[in-house]
N, C-alpha and C. Protein backbone atom coordinates (compact mmCIF):
# COMPACT_ATOMS: atom_id res chain seq x y z
N UNK A 1 0.85 -1.16 0.00
CA UNK A 1 0.00 0.00 0.00
C UNK A 1 0.90 1.23 0.00
N UNK A 2 0.55 2.22 -0.74
CA UNK A 2 1.34 3.44 -0.85
C UNK A 2 1.17 4.31 0.38
N UNK A 3 2.20 5.10 0.66
CA UNK A 3 2.12 6.05 1.76
C UNK A 3 1.97 7.48 1.23
N UNK A 4 1.53 7.63 0.00
CA UNK A 4 1.36 8.95 -0.60
C UNK A 4 0.32 9.79 0.11
N UNK A 5 -0.54 9.17 0.89
CA UNK A 5 -1.62 9.90 1.56
C UNK A 5 -1.18 10.52 2.89
N UNK A 6 0.09 10.38 3.23
CA UNK A 6 0.55 10.93 4.49
C UNK A 6 0.41 12.44 4.49
N UNK A 7 -0.16 12.97 5.55
CA UNK A 7 -0.37 14.41 5.67
C UNK A 7 0.48 14.93 6.81
N UNK A 8 1.22 16.01 6.61
CA UNK A 8 1.99 16.55 7.72
C UNK A 8 1.07 17.02 8.83
N UNK A 9 1.54 17.04 10.09
CA UNK A 9 0.68 17.41 11.20
C UNK A 9 0.13 18.83 11.10
N UNK A 10 0.86 19.72 10.47
CA UNK A 10 0.40 21.09 10.33
C UNK A 10 1.05 21.72 9.12
N UNK A 11 0.25 22.43 8.35
CA UNK A 11 0.80 23.11 7.18
C UNK A 11 1.60 24.35 7.60
N UNK A 12 1.43 24.80 8.84
CA UNK A 12 2.11 25.99 9.34
C UNK A 12 3.27 25.65 10.26
N UNK A 13 3.81 24.46 10.16
CA UNK A 13 4.91 24.05 11.02
C UNK A 13 6.16 24.84 10.67
N UNK A 14 6.72 25.49 11.69
CA UNK A 14 7.93 26.26 11.45
C UNK A 14 9.14 25.34 11.50
N UNK A 15 10.24 25.76 10.87
CA UNK A 15 11.45 24.93 10.93
C UNK A 15 11.87 24.72 12.38
N UNK A 16 12.36 23.54 12.68
CA UNK A 16 12.75 23.23 14.05
C UNK A 16 14.01 22.38 14.06
N UNK A 17 14.72 22.45 15.15
CA UNK A 17 15.89 21.62 15.40
C UNK A 17 15.41 20.42 16.20
N UNK A 18 15.58 19.22 15.65
CA UNK A 18 15.09 18.01 16.29
C UNK A 18 16.16 17.41 17.19
N UNK A 19 15.74 17.06 18.41
CA UNK A 19 16.63 16.47 19.40
C UNK A 19 15.98 15.19 19.91
N UNK A 20 16.73 14.09 19.84
CA UNK A 20 16.24 12.82 20.39
C UNK A 20 17.03 12.50 21.64
N UNK A 21 16.30 12.20 22.71
CA UNK A 21 16.90 11.75 23.96
C UNK A 21 16.69 10.24 24.02
N UNK A 22 17.76 9.50 23.94
CA UNK A 22 17.70 8.05 23.84
C UNK A 22 18.07 7.47 25.20
N UNK A 23 17.12 6.76 25.80
CA UNK A 23 17.28 6.23 27.16
C UNK A 23 17.63 4.75 27.07
N UNK A 24 18.69 4.36 27.77
CA UNK A 24 19.06 2.95 27.90
C UNK A 24 18.25 2.39 29.07
N UNK A 25 16.99 2.04 28.79
CA UNK A 25 16.05 1.65 29.84
C UNK A 25 16.46 0.37 30.56
N UNK A 26 16.99 -0.61 29.87
CA UNK A 26 17.33 -1.87 30.51
C UNK A 26 18.47 -1.69 31.52
N UNK A 27 19.49 -0.94 31.13
CA UNK A 27 20.59 -0.68 32.05
C UNK A 27 20.13 0.20 33.20
N UNK A 28 19.29 1.17 32.91
CA UNK A 28 18.74 2.04 33.94
C UNK A 28 17.99 1.23 35.00
N UNK A 29 17.13 0.33 34.55
CA UNK A 29 16.35 -0.49 35.48
C UNK A 29 17.23 -1.47 36.26
N UNK A 30 18.32 -1.93 35.65
CA UNK A 30 19.21 -2.82 36.39
C UNK A 30 20.00 -2.04 37.44
N UNK A 31 20.33 -0.78 37.17
CA UNK A 31 21.06 0.05 38.14
C UNK A 31 20.14 0.56 39.25
N UNK A 32 18.89 0.82 38.91
CA UNK A 32 17.90 1.32 39.88
C UNK A 32 16.74 0.31 39.94
N UNK A 33 16.95 -0.84 40.60
CA UNK A 33 15.93 -1.90 40.59
C UNK A 33 14.65 -1.57 41.36
N UNK A 34 14.69 -0.57 42.23
CA UNK A 34 13.51 -0.17 42.99
C UNK A 34 13.24 1.32 42.76
N UNK A 35 12.89 1.71 41.52
CA UNK A 35 12.68 3.13 41.24
C UNK A 35 11.38 3.64 41.88
N UNK A 36 11.28 4.93 41.96
CA UNK A 36 10.06 5.55 42.48
C UNK A 36 8.88 5.18 41.60
N UNK A 37 7.76 4.95 42.23
CA UNK A 37 6.51 4.73 41.51
C UNK A 37 5.59 5.93 41.66
N UNK A 38 6.17 7.06 42.05
CA UNK A 38 5.43 8.30 42.24
C UNK A 38 5.93 9.36 41.25
N UNK A 39 5.08 9.84 40.35
CA UNK A 39 5.54 10.83 39.37
C UNK A 39 5.98 12.15 40.00
N UNK A 40 5.46 12.48 41.19
CA UNK A 40 5.84 13.73 41.84
C UNK A 40 7.16 13.62 42.59
N UNK A 41 7.71 12.44 42.72
CA UNK A 41 8.99 12.25 43.40
C UNK A 41 9.81 11.19 42.69
N UNK A 42 10.24 11.52 41.46
CA UNK A 42 10.98 10.54 40.65
C UNK A 42 12.37 10.26 41.20
N UNK A 43 12.91 9.11 40.84
CA UNK A 43 14.28 8.73 41.19
C UNK A 43 15.23 9.56 40.34
N UNK A 44 16.15 10.27 40.99
CA UNK A 44 17.14 11.07 40.27
C UNK A 44 18.25 10.14 39.79
N UNK A 45 18.60 10.26 38.50
CA UNK A 45 19.58 9.34 37.91
C UNK A 45 20.88 10.06 37.55
N UNK A 46 21.91 9.24 37.35
CA UNK A 46 23.21 9.73 36.89
C UNK A 46 23.16 10.00 35.39
N UNK A 47 24.27 10.50 34.88
CA UNK A 47 24.35 10.94 33.48
C UNK A 47 24.39 9.82 32.45
N UNK A 48 24.83 8.65 32.81
CA UNK A 48 25.21 7.65 31.82
C UNK A 48 24.05 6.90 31.14
N UNK A 49 22.81 7.27 31.39
CA UNK A 49 21.69 6.49 30.85
C UNK A 49 20.95 7.16 29.71
N UNK A 50 21.27 8.42 29.43
CA UNK A 50 20.58 9.15 28.37
C UNK A 50 21.61 9.69 27.39
N UNK A 51 21.35 9.44 26.11
CA UNK A 51 22.24 9.89 25.05
C UNK A 51 21.45 10.82 24.14
N UNK A 52 22.12 11.79 23.58
CA UNK A 52 21.47 12.82 22.78
C UNK A 52 21.87 12.67 21.33
N UNK A 53 20.89 12.76 20.44
CA UNK A 53 21.15 12.76 19.00
C UNK A 53 20.32 13.87 18.39
N UNK A 54 20.90 14.54 17.43
CA UNK A 54 20.18 15.61 16.75
C UNK A 54 20.80 15.89 15.40
N UNK A 55 19.98 16.38 14.49
CA UNK A 55 20.45 16.67 13.14
C UNK A 55 21.40 17.83 13.07
N UNK A 56 21.50 18.64 14.12
CA UNK A 56 22.36 19.80 14.08
C UNK A 56 23.74 19.53 14.64
N UNK A 57 23.99 18.32 15.09
CA UNK A 57 25.29 18.01 15.67
C UNK A 57 26.34 17.89 14.57
N UNK A 58 27.49 18.54 14.78
CA UNK A 58 28.57 18.40 13.83
C UNK A 58 29.43 17.20 14.18
N UNK A 59 29.53 16.86 15.47
CA UNK A 59 30.24 15.67 15.90
C UNK A 59 29.23 14.57 16.12
N UNK A 60 29.53 13.39 15.63
CA UNK A 60 28.60 12.28 15.78
C UNK A 60 28.93 11.38 16.96
N UNK A 61 30.04 11.64 17.64
CA UNK A 61 30.37 10.81 18.80
C UNK A 61 29.51 11.21 19.98
N UNK A 62 29.25 10.27 20.85
CA UNK A 62 28.39 10.50 22.00
C UNK A 62 29.26 10.91 23.19
N UNK A 63 28.88 12.00 23.82
CA UNK A 63 29.53 12.45 25.05
C UNK A 63 28.43 12.73 26.05
N UNK A 64 28.48 12.06 27.17
CA UNK A 64 27.42 12.20 28.16
C UNK A 64 28.03 12.72 29.45
N UNK A 65 27.95 14.04 29.66
CA UNK A 65 28.59 14.64 30.82
C UNK A 65 27.69 15.66 31.51
N UNK A 66 26.40 15.48 31.45
CA UNK A 66 25.41 16.38 32.06
C UNK A 66 25.38 17.75 31.40
N UNK A 67 25.96 17.86 30.23
CA UNK A 67 25.85 19.10 29.46
C UNK A 67 25.44 18.72 28.05
N UNK A 68 24.32 19.25 27.61
CA UNK A 68 23.88 19.05 26.23
C UNK A 68 24.17 20.36 25.51
N UNK A 69 24.95 20.30 24.44
CA UNK A 69 25.24 21.50 23.66
C UNK A 69 24.38 21.46 22.40
N UNK A 70 23.57 22.49 22.22
CA UNK A 70 22.70 22.58 21.06
C UNK A 70 23.05 23.84 20.26
N UNK A 71 23.02 23.69 18.96
CA UNK A 71 23.23 24.84 18.08
C UNK A 71 21.99 24.98 17.22
N UNK A 72 21.38 26.13 17.26
CA UNK A 72 20.17 26.38 16.47
C UNK A 72 20.58 26.70 15.05
N UNK A 73 20.36 25.76 14.14
CA UNK A 73 20.70 25.99 12.74
C UNK A 73 19.45 26.04 11.86
N UNK A 74 18.31 25.70 12.42
CA UNK A 74 17.07 25.63 11.65
C UNK A 74 16.00 26.41 12.41
N UNK A 75 16.21 27.69 12.59
CA UNK A 75 15.32 28.49 13.42
C UNK A 75 15.72 28.36 14.87
N UNK A 76 14.94 28.91 15.76
CA UNK A 76 15.27 28.88 17.19
C UNK A 76 14.34 27.97 17.98
N UNK A 77 13.60 27.12 17.30
CA UNK A 77 12.68 26.20 17.96
C UNK A 77 13.32 24.82 18.02
N UNK A 78 13.15 24.17 19.18
CA UNK A 78 13.66 22.81 19.37
C UNK A 78 12.49 21.87 19.65
N UNK A 79 12.49 20.72 18.97
CA UNK A 79 11.53 19.65 19.23
C UNK A 79 12.31 18.52 19.91
N UNK A 80 11.87 18.16 21.11
CA UNK A 80 12.58 17.17 21.92
C UNK A 80 11.71 15.93 22.05
N UNK A 81 12.26 14.80 21.63
CA UNK A 81 11.55 13.52 21.71
C UNK A 81 12.37 12.54 22.52
N UNK A 82 11.69 11.65 23.23
CA UNK A 82 12.36 10.60 23.99
C UNK A 82 12.07 9.24 23.40
N UNK A 83 13.09 8.39 23.37
CA UNK A 83 12.96 7.02 22.86
C UNK A 83 13.84 6.11 23.71
N UNK A 84 13.66 4.81 23.58
CA UNK A 84 14.51 3.85 24.26
C UNK A 84 15.22 2.99 23.23
N UNK A 85 16.25 2.32 23.70
CA UNK A 85 16.90 1.30 22.89
C UNK A 85 16.55 -0.03 23.52
N UNK A 86 16.33 -1.02 22.70
CA UNK A 86 16.01 -2.35 23.22
C UNK A 86 15.84 -3.32 22.08
N UNK A 87 16.25 -4.53 22.31
CA UNK A 87 16.17 -5.54 21.27
C UNK A 87 14.73 -5.93 20.95
N UNK A 88 13.89 -6.00 21.97
CA UNK A 88 12.52 -6.45 21.75
C UNK A 88 11.49 -5.44 22.26
N UNK A 89 11.91 -4.21 22.44
CA UNK A 89 11.02 -3.14 22.93
C UNK A 89 10.33 -3.55 24.23
N UNK A 90 11.14 -4.13 25.13
CA UNK A 90 10.61 -4.56 26.43
C UNK A 90 10.05 -3.38 27.21
N UNK A 91 10.69 -2.23 27.05
CA UNK A 91 10.28 -1.03 27.76
C UNK A 91 10.31 0.17 26.82
N UNK A 92 9.46 1.11 27.10
CA UNK A 92 9.44 2.38 26.38
C UNK A 92 9.58 3.49 27.40
N UNK A 93 9.76 4.69 26.92
CA UNK A 93 9.94 5.83 27.80
C UNK A 93 8.98 6.93 27.39
N UNK A 94 8.44 7.62 28.38
CA UNK A 94 7.55 8.75 28.14
C UNK A 94 8.04 9.91 29.01
N UNK A 95 8.46 10.99 28.38
CA UNK A 95 8.84 12.19 29.12
C UNK A 95 7.55 12.92 29.48
N UNK A 96 7.31 13.10 30.78
CA UNK A 96 6.05 13.71 31.21
C UNK A 96 6.23 15.13 31.75
N UNK A 97 7.47 15.57 31.92
CA UNK A 97 7.68 16.95 32.36
C UNK A 97 9.10 17.37 32.03
N UNK A 98 9.25 18.59 31.56
CA UNK A 98 10.55 19.20 31.35
C UNK A 98 10.46 20.60 31.92
N UNK A 99 11.36 20.90 32.84
CA UNK A 99 11.38 22.25 33.41
C UNK A 99 12.72 22.89 33.10
N UNK A 100 12.70 24.21 32.97
CA UNK A 100 13.93 24.97 32.72
C UNK A 100 14.12 25.95 33.87
N UNK A 101 15.38 26.31 34.09
CA UNK A 101 15.71 27.27 35.13
C UNK A 101 15.29 28.68 34.75
N UNK A 102 15.89 29.65 35.40
CA UNK A 102 15.49 31.05 35.18
C UNK A 102 16.60 31.88 34.55
N UNK A 103 17.49 31.25 33.78
CA UNK A 103 18.59 31.97 33.15
C UNK A 103 18.15 32.75 31.92
N UNK A 104 16.93 32.52 31.43
CA UNK A 104 16.44 33.25 30.27
C UNK A 104 16.99 32.75 28.94
N UNK A 105 17.49 31.52 28.92
CA UNK A 105 18.07 30.95 27.71
C UNK A 105 17.03 30.20 26.89
N UNK A 106 16.12 29.49 27.56
CA UNK A 106 15.07 28.70 26.90
C UNK A 106 13.70 29.13 27.40
N UNK A 107 12.72 29.06 26.49
CA UNK A 107 11.33 29.29 26.90
C UNK A 107 10.85 28.07 27.67
N UNK A 108 9.78 28.21 28.46
CA UNK A 108 9.23 27.02 29.12
C UNK A 108 8.78 26.00 28.06
N UNK A 109 9.16 24.73 28.23
CA UNK A 109 8.76 23.70 27.27
C UNK A 109 7.25 23.50 27.25
N UNK A 110 6.74 23.17 26.08
CA UNK A 110 5.32 22.93 25.88
C UNK A 110 5.16 21.57 25.21
N UNK A 111 4.25 20.75 25.74
CA UNK A 111 3.97 19.45 25.15
C UNK A 111 3.07 19.65 23.93
N UNK A 112 3.50 19.12 22.78
CA UNK A 112 2.73 19.19 21.54
C UNK A 112 2.32 17.77 21.16
N UNK A 113 1.03 17.56 20.92
CA UNK A 113 0.51 16.25 20.53
C UNK A 113 -0.25 16.39 19.22
N UNK A 114 0.10 15.56 18.26
CA UNK A 114 -0.63 15.47 16.99
C UNK A 114 -1.31 14.10 16.97
N UNK A 115 -2.63 14.10 17.00
CA UNK A 115 -3.39 12.84 17.12
C UNK A 115 -3.77 12.28 15.77
N UNK A 116 -3.86 10.96 15.71
CA UNK A 116 -4.41 10.26 14.57
C UNK A 116 -3.65 10.43 13.26
N UNK A 117 -2.33 10.50 13.33
CA UNK A 117 -1.54 10.62 12.11
C UNK A 117 -1.47 9.28 11.39
N UNK A 118 -1.36 9.32 10.10
CA UNK A 118 -1.13 8.11 9.32
C UNK A 118 0.37 7.96 9.14
N UNK A 119 0.90 6.86 9.66
CA UNK A 119 2.33 6.62 9.62
C UNK A 119 2.62 5.30 8.90
N UNK A 120 3.72 5.25 8.17
CA UNK A 120 4.08 3.98 7.53
C UNK A 120 4.66 3.01 8.56
N UNK A 121 4.39 1.73 8.34
CA UNK A 121 4.95 0.68 9.19
C UNK A 121 5.39 -0.47 8.29
N UNK A 122 6.37 -1.24 8.73
CA UNK A 122 6.81 -2.38 7.91
C UNK A 122 5.70 -3.40 7.73
N UNK A 123 5.64 -3.97 6.56
CA UNK A 123 4.69 -5.02 6.25
C UNK A 123 5.45 -6.34 6.32
N UNK A 124 5.18 -7.19 7.33
CA UNK A 124 5.94 -8.44 7.46
C UNK A 124 5.82 -9.36 6.26
N UNK A 125 4.71 -9.28 5.53
CA UNK A 125 4.51 -10.16 4.38
C UNK A 125 5.21 -9.63 3.13
N UNK A 126 5.44 -8.31 3.09
CA UNK A 126 6.12 -7.71 1.94
C UNK A 126 6.86 -6.46 2.42
N UNK A 127 8.07 -6.61 2.94
CA UNK A 127 8.77 -5.49 3.58
C UNK A 127 9.03 -4.28 2.68
N UNK A 128 9.00 -4.46 1.37
CA UNK A 128 9.25 -3.31 0.50
C UNK A 128 7.98 -2.50 0.23
N UNK A 129 6.85 -2.97 0.73
CA UNK A 129 5.58 -2.27 0.56
C UNK A 129 5.00 -1.98 1.94
N UNK A 130 5.28 -0.79 2.50
CA UNK A 130 4.79 -0.50 3.85
C UNK A 130 3.27 -0.41 3.92
N UNK A 131 2.76 -0.58 5.11
CA UNK A 131 1.33 -0.41 5.36
C UNK A 131 1.15 0.85 6.20
N UNK A 132 -0.04 1.39 6.19
CA UNK A 132 -0.35 2.58 6.99
C UNK A 132 -0.93 2.15 8.33
N UNK A 133 -0.60 2.91 9.36
CA UNK A 133 -1.22 2.71 10.66
C UNK A 133 -1.48 4.07 11.28
N UNK A 134 -2.47 4.15 12.13
CA UNK A 134 -2.79 5.39 12.83
C UNK A 134 -2.02 5.44 14.14
N UNK A 135 -1.47 6.60 14.45
CA UNK A 135 -0.73 6.77 15.69
C UNK A 135 -0.73 8.25 16.07
N UNK A 136 -0.44 8.50 17.32
CA UNK A 136 -0.27 9.87 17.80
C UNK A 136 1.22 10.17 17.87
N UNK A 137 1.57 11.38 17.56
CA UNK A 137 2.95 11.83 17.69
C UNK A 137 2.99 12.89 18.77
N UNK A 138 4.07 12.96 19.49
CA UNK A 138 4.21 13.99 20.52
C UNK A 138 5.68 14.37 20.66
N UNK A 139 5.90 15.57 21.11
CA UNK A 139 7.24 16.06 21.41
C UNK A 139 7.09 17.27 22.33
N UNK A 140 8.19 17.65 22.93
CA UNK A 140 8.26 18.85 23.74
C UNK A 140 8.89 19.93 22.89
N UNK A 141 8.33 21.11 22.93
CA UNK A 141 8.83 22.22 22.12
C UNK A 141 9.26 23.37 23.02
N UNK A 142 10.41 23.93 22.72
CA UNK A 142 10.85 25.15 23.41
C UNK A 142 11.64 25.99 22.42
N UNK A 143 11.80 27.24 22.76
CA UNK A 143 12.50 28.17 21.89
C UNK A 143 13.73 28.71 22.59
N UNK A 144 14.77 28.93 21.80
CA UNK A 144 15.96 29.58 22.32
C UNK A 144 15.67 31.07 22.45
N UNK A 145 15.89 31.61 23.64
CA UNK A 145 15.69 33.03 23.90
C UNK A 145 17.00 33.80 23.83
N UNK A 146 18.09 33.12 24.17
CA UNK A 146 19.41 33.75 24.18
C UNK A 146 20.47 32.66 24.16
N UNK A 147 21.70 33.03 23.85
CA UNK A 147 22.82 32.10 23.98
C UNK A 147 23.16 32.00 25.47
N UNK A 148 23.65 30.86 25.88
CA UNK A 148 24.03 30.68 27.28
C UNK A 148 23.76 29.27 27.75
N UNK A 149 23.75 29.11 29.07
CA UNK A 149 23.55 27.80 29.69
C UNK A 149 22.31 27.85 30.57
N UNK A 150 21.46 26.84 30.44
CA UNK A 150 20.21 26.75 31.21
C UNK A 150 20.17 25.39 31.91
N UNK A 151 19.85 25.39 33.19
CA UNK A 151 19.67 24.14 33.92
C UNK A 151 18.27 23.62 33.62
N UNK A 152 18.19 22.33 33.29
CA UNK A 152 16.90 21.71 32.97
C UNK A 152 16.74 20.43 33.78
N UNK A 153 15.49 20.10 34.08
CA UNK A 153 15.18 18.82 34.71
C UNK A 153 14.19 18.11 33.81
N UNK A 154 14.55 16.90 33.41
CA UNK A 154 13.71 16.10 32.54
C UNK A 154 13.15 14.94 33.35
N UNK A 155 11.85 14.84 33.42
CA UNK A 155 11.18 13.77 34.17
C UNK A 155 10.52 12.82 33.17
N UNK A 156 10.74 11.54 33.39
CA UNK A 156 10.20 10.54 32.46
C UNK A 156 9.83 9.27 33.21
N UNK A 157 8.97 8.49 32.59
CA UNK A 157 8.61 7.19 33.14
C UNK A 157 9.05 6.11 32.16
N UNK A 158 9.43 5.00 32.72
CA UNK A 158 9.69 3.81 31.92
C UNK A 158 8.44 2.96 32.03
N UNK A 159 7.91 2.54 30.89
CA UNK A 159 6.69 1.74 30.88
C UNK A 159 6.96 0.38 30.23
N UNK A 160 6.20 -0.63 30.65
CA UNK A 160 6.35 -1.96 30.07
C UNK A 160 5.47 -2.09 28.83
N UNK A 161 5.42 -3.27 28.26
CA UNK A 161 4.65 -3.48 27.02
C UNK A 161 3.15 -3.37 27.23
N UNK A 162 2.70 -3.39 28.48
CA UNK A 162 1.28 -3.17 28.79
C UNK A 162 0.98 -1.71 29.10
N UNK A 163 1.97 -0.85 28.87
CA UNK A 163 1.87 0.60 29.12
C UNK A 163 1.66 0.92 30.60
N UNK A 164 2.24 0.09 31.46
CA UNK A 164 2.20 0.33 32.90
C UNK A 164 3.55 0.90 33.33
N UNK A 165 3.52 1.97 34.10
CA UNK A 165 4.76 2.58 34.58
C UNK A 165 5.46 1.62 35.54
N UNK A 166 6.74 1.35 35.27
CA UNK A 166 7.55 0.52 36.15
C UNK A 166 8.55 1.38 36.94
N UNK A 167 8.59 2.67 36.65
CA UNK A 167 9.45 3.57 37.39
C UNK A 167 9.39 4.98 36.84
N UNK A 168 9.53 5.95 37.74
CA UNK A 168 9.58 7.37 37.38
C UNK A 168 10.98 7.88 37.69
N UNK A 169 11.56 8.62 36.75
CA UNK A 169 12.94 9.06 36.86
C UNK A 169 13.06 10.54 36.53
N UNK A 170 14.17 11.11 36.99
CA UNK A 170 14.45 12.51 36.73
C UNK A 170 15.94 12.65 36.41
N UNK A 171 16.26 13.50 35.42
CA UNK A 171 17.64 13.76 35.04
C UNK A 171 17.85 15.25 35.01
N UNK A 172 18.80 15.73 35.77
CA UNK A 172 19.14 17.15 35.79
C UNK A 172 20.33 17.34 34.86
N UNK A 173 20.19 18.29 33.93
CA UNK A 173 21.21 18.50 32.91
C UNK A 173 21.33 19.99 32.61
N UNK A 174 22.51 20.41 32.20
CA UNK A 174 22.69 21.77 31.73
C UNK A 174 22.63 21.75 30.21
N UNK A 175 21.88 22.69 29.66
CA UNK A 175 21.77 22.81 28.21
C UNK A 175 22.50 24.08 27.80
N UNK A 176 23.49 23.91 26.96
CA UNK A 176 24.28 25.03 26.47
C UNK A 176 23.81 25.34 25.06
N UNK A 177 23.33 26.57 24.86
CA UNK A 177 22.86 26.97 23.54
C UNK A 177 23.81 28.00 22.95
N UNK A 178 24.32 27.66 21.77
CA UNK A 178 25.21 28.56 21.05
C UNK A 178 24.39 29.42 20.12
N UNK A 179 24.90 30.59 19.82
CA UNK A 179 24.16 31.47 18.90
C UNK A 179 24.54 31.20 17.48
């Protein structure tokens, strides 16, 4: 089946810098076997469980040191998405809150949800002919207000294949925005 019928979420979408936060959920759960089950009091984690990828990075090597350096090359808007790595998708991740400090570098993040999108998916019977499926897309959006460093706290839950939260976590990171 063709995917020619795919419609973008909005015809007025402004250019954005896409950032993926990739969580190593299996290692995280092995390091924190009894995580908080309360979203208002998540388990604070170390730096080594979240990796950042984005189309604006000039270096492709991963460096995880509690500082995310972003360069706005496609407007001043950032779309932040969270994903996990896993062989069988045992766990997924959902970022439920992102807060920024008061340095005036980033606007307060806003959750954006686009419901009922038609997305291509692999067809197990004929992998070269994708099938369409309905899904919701979501990301956090914020804008760069100035160059500088902003302290951020990212709160997320790890969920199992039944979409049940198995732990709530928090990561404090500094975001450095270049002009």
